[in-house]
Protein backbone atom coordinates (compact mmCIF):
# COMPACT_ATOMS: atom_id res chain seq x y z
CA MET A 1 0.04 -0.15 0.07
CA SER A 2 1.56 3.31 -0.96
CA ALA A 3 1.52 6.43 1.63
CA PRO A 4 -0.76 8.84 1.42
CA PRO A 5 -0.60 11.92 -0.53
CA ARG A 6 1.51 14.70 1.10
CA LEU A 7 0.02 18.39 0.72
CA THR A 8 2.76 20.09 -0.63
CA GLU A 9 4.45 23.48 -0.94
CA ALA A 10 2.11 24.28 -4.14
CA VAL A 11 -0.82 23.16 -2.46
CA ARG A 12 -0.37 24.65 0.89
CA GLN A 13 0.66 28.12 -0.87
CA ASP A 14 -2.81 28.02 -2.38
CA ILE A 15 -5.04 27.41 0.88
CA ARG A 16 -3.30 30.53 1.96
CA ARG A 17 -4.21 32.44 -0.94
CA SER A 18 -8.14 30.91 -1.03
CA VAL A 19 -10.62 33.35 0.67
CA LEU A 20 -12.95 29.98 0.69
CA CYS A 21 -12.85 26.55 0.42
CA TRP A 22 -16.06 24.25 -0.23
CA LEU A 23 -16.76 21.11 2.05
CA ALA A 24 -18.71 18.16 0.19
CA THR A 25 -20.08 15.94 2.54
CA VAL A 26 -22.76 13.21 2.49
CA ASP A 27 -25.79 12.24 5.17
CA ALA A 28 -27.54 9.67 6.04
CA ALA A 29 -29.81 9.33 3.16
CA GLY A 30 -26.59 9.36 0.67
CA GLN A 31 -27.60 13.22 0.04
CA PRO A 32 -24.71 14.92 -0.97
CA ASN A 33 -23.93 18.31 1.04
CA VAL A 34 -22.06 21.50 -0.25
CA SER A 35 -21.08 24.17 2.19
CA PRO A 36 -18.64 26.84 2.28
CA LYS A 37 -15.89 27.72 4.63
CA GLU A 38 -13.97 30.55 5.00
CA VAL A 39 -11.79 29.76 7.95
CA PHE A 40 -9.20 26.69 7.37
CA CYS A 41 -5.38 26.23 6.77
CA ALA A 42 -2.79 23.46 6.37
CA GLN A 43 -1.57 21.31 9.43
CA GLY A 44 2.02 20.92 7.79
CA GLU A 45 1.82 18.38 5.15
CA GLU A 46 -0.59 15.76 6.73
CA ALA A 47 -3.93 17.71 6.95
CA ILE A 48 -5.97 20.36 6.20
CA LEU A 49 -8.20 22.29 9.16
CA ILE A 50 -11.32 23.57 8.89
CA ALA A 51 -13.12 25.64 11.34
CA ASP A 52 -16.67 24.43 12.25
CA ILE A 53 -18.28 28.03 12.87
CA ALA A 54 -22.18 27.52 12.26
CA SER A 55 -21.90 24.08 10.40
CA PRO A 56 -24.34 21.25 12.44
CA GLY A 57 -25.03 19.67 8.69
CA SER A 58 -21.21 18.95 7.79
CA VAL A 59 -20.37 18.11 11.21
CA SER A 60 -23.22 15.53 11.25
CA ASN A 61 -22.64 14.05 8.15
CA ILE A 62 -19.00 13.58 8.91
CA ARG A 63 -19.74 11.78 11.89
CA GLY A 64 -22.16 9.79 9.99
CA ASN A 65 -19.46 8.89 7.25
CA PRO A 66 -16.06 10.51 7.26
CA GLN A 67 -15.28 10.69 3.41
CA VAL A 68 -15.54 14.24 2.26
CA CYS A 69 -13.88 16.11 -0.43
CA VAL A 70 -12.63 19.88 -0.42
CA SER A 71 -11.87 22.28 -2.94
CA PHE A 72 -10.67 25.65 -3.31
CA ILE A 73 -9.35 28.06 -6.11
CA ASP A 74 -7.69 31.27 -6.00
CA VAL A 75 -10.17 33.10 -8.37
CA PHE A 76 -7.49 35.30 -10.17
CA ARG A 77 -5.61 32.47 -11.15
CA GLN A 78 -8.48 30.07 -12.09
CA LYS A 79 -6.58 27.12 -10.41
CA GLY A 80 -6.48 25.67 -7.18
CA TRP A 81 -7.38 21.52 -5.42
CA LYS A 82 -9.64 19.12 -4.82
CA VAL A 83 -8.40 17.13 -1.71
CA ALA A 84 -10.77 13.92 -1.25
CA GLY A 85 -10.35 12.27 2.55
CA ALA A 86 -11.27 11.00 5.41
CA ALA A 87 -12.37 13.53 8.44
CA THR A 88 -12.46 13.45 11.70
CA ILE A 89 -14.27 15.92 14.04
CA ILE A 90 -12.24 17.40 17.18
CA GLY A 91 -14.67 19.40 20.18
CA ARG A 92 -14.00 22.18 22.25
CA ASP A 93 -13.94 19.65 24.84
CA GLU A 94 -11.58 16.66 23.62
CA ALA A 95 -8.31 16.96 24.47
CA GLY A 96 -6.17 18.34 22.03
CA PHE A 97 -8.29 20.75 20.61
CA GLU A 98 -6.96 24.14 21.69
CA ALA A 99 -3.54 23.08 20.41
CA ILE A 100 -4.63 21.78 17.16
CA GLY A 101 -7.30 24.57 16.77
CA ARG A 102 -4.69 27.21 17.64
CA GLU A 103 -4.66 28.61 13.54
CA LEU A 104 -7.78 28.43 13.13
CA ILE A 105 -9.13 30.11 16.42
CA ALA A 106 -6.46 33.16 15.55
CA MET A 107 -8.29 33.45 12.33
CA ALA A 108 -11.21 33.39 13.25
CA GLY A 109 -10.81 35.83 16.24
CA PRO A 110 -13.23 36.59 19.19
CA SER A 111 -16.46 37.35 17.38
CA PHE A 112 -16.66 33.71 15.32
CA PRO A 113 -16.40 31.00 18.13
CA VAL A 114 -15.03 28.17 16.55
CA ARG A 115 -16.77 24.94 18.20
CA HIS A 116 -14.96 22.42 16.36
CA VAL A 117 -12.26 21.36 14.14
CA ILE A 118 -12.49 19.23 11.10
CA ARG A 119 -9.52 17.54 10.06
CA LEU A 120 -9.10 15.89 6.64
CA THR A 121 -6.87 13.40 5.86
CA PRO A 122 -6.03 13.66 2.06
CA GLN A 123 -6.43 10.41 0.33
CA ARG A 124 -6.51 12.03 -3.26
CA ILE A 125 -5.08 15.35 -4.42
CA SER A 126 -6.02 16.61 -7.69
CA ARG A 127 -5.58 19.87 -9.61
CA ILE A 128 -8.36 22.32 -10.68
CA LEU A 129 -7.89 24.04 -13.74
CA ALA A 130 -10.05 26.68 -15.31
CA PRO A 131 -11.12 25.55 -19.22
CA SER A 132 -9.00 28.88 -20.06
CA TYR A 133 -5.70 26.51 -19.22
CA ALA A 134 -6.45 24.26 -21.69
CA ILE A 135 -7.85 26.71 -24.15
CA PHE A 136 -5.24 28.98 -24.17
CA PRO A 137 -2.19 27.04 -22.99
CA ASP A 138 0.60 29.22 -23.96
CA ARG A 139 -0.89 32.48 -21.65
CA THR A 140 1.23 33.36 -18.66
CA GLU A 141 -0.02 33.61 -15.25
CA GLU A 142 -0.09 37.73 -15.48
CA GLU A 143 -1.83 37.33 -18.43
CA ARG A 144 -4.28 35.26 -17.30
CA MET A 145 -4.81 37.27 -13.88
CA ALA A 146 -4.95 40.56 -16.07
CA GLU A 147 -7.82 39.08 -18.25
CA ILE A 148 -9.65 38.05 -15.02
CA TYR A 149 -9.15 41.55 -13.34
CA ARG A 150 -10.75 42.63 -16.75
CA LEU A 151 -13.44 40.29 -16.48
CA TYR A 152 -14.59 40.85 -12.68
CA GLY A 153 -14.11 44.67 -13.10
CA VAL A 154 -11.53 44.86 -10.35
CA ARG A 155 -7.86 45.51 -9.79
CA PRO A 156 -5.65 44.34 -7.15
CA ILE A 157 -4.89 46.42 -4.34
CA GLY A 158 -1.46 45.08 -3.34
CA GLY A 159 1.53 43.07 -4.83
CA GLU A 160 0.33 39.53 -5.66
CA ASP A 161 2.46 37.13 -4.86
């Protein structure tokens, strides 16, 4: 059996650049649910941590079926990642919550209490690319971003890294 996939620096960098991720779960009746999450981070190369601030459905679904998928995309670069794997729920009253959730708690701040940490251990990691990567393979990232800024009617306010 092969080793589980790792969150490479490229994946971790895109996690840092993403504003939202979308967590897909399945309920006991087999109905899928996709829920946006805005407080999430990489835990080294081993896992993605997602804050449960107001996600009782996601938490309930994961307790019944831990297989989940999360995706995140840098909307200006038009690329990101899909990570599928097994999730665990770590509640506020469980040992290790404060240590594991430290970064999420800091990101959420005092106005948004973190009720649980959702810890996703990757089993599959795959790249997400907008169709323009296949249609216009010779475009540079800068050209792609300039086009997206034009289409969205926005301008960058700081240096893009």
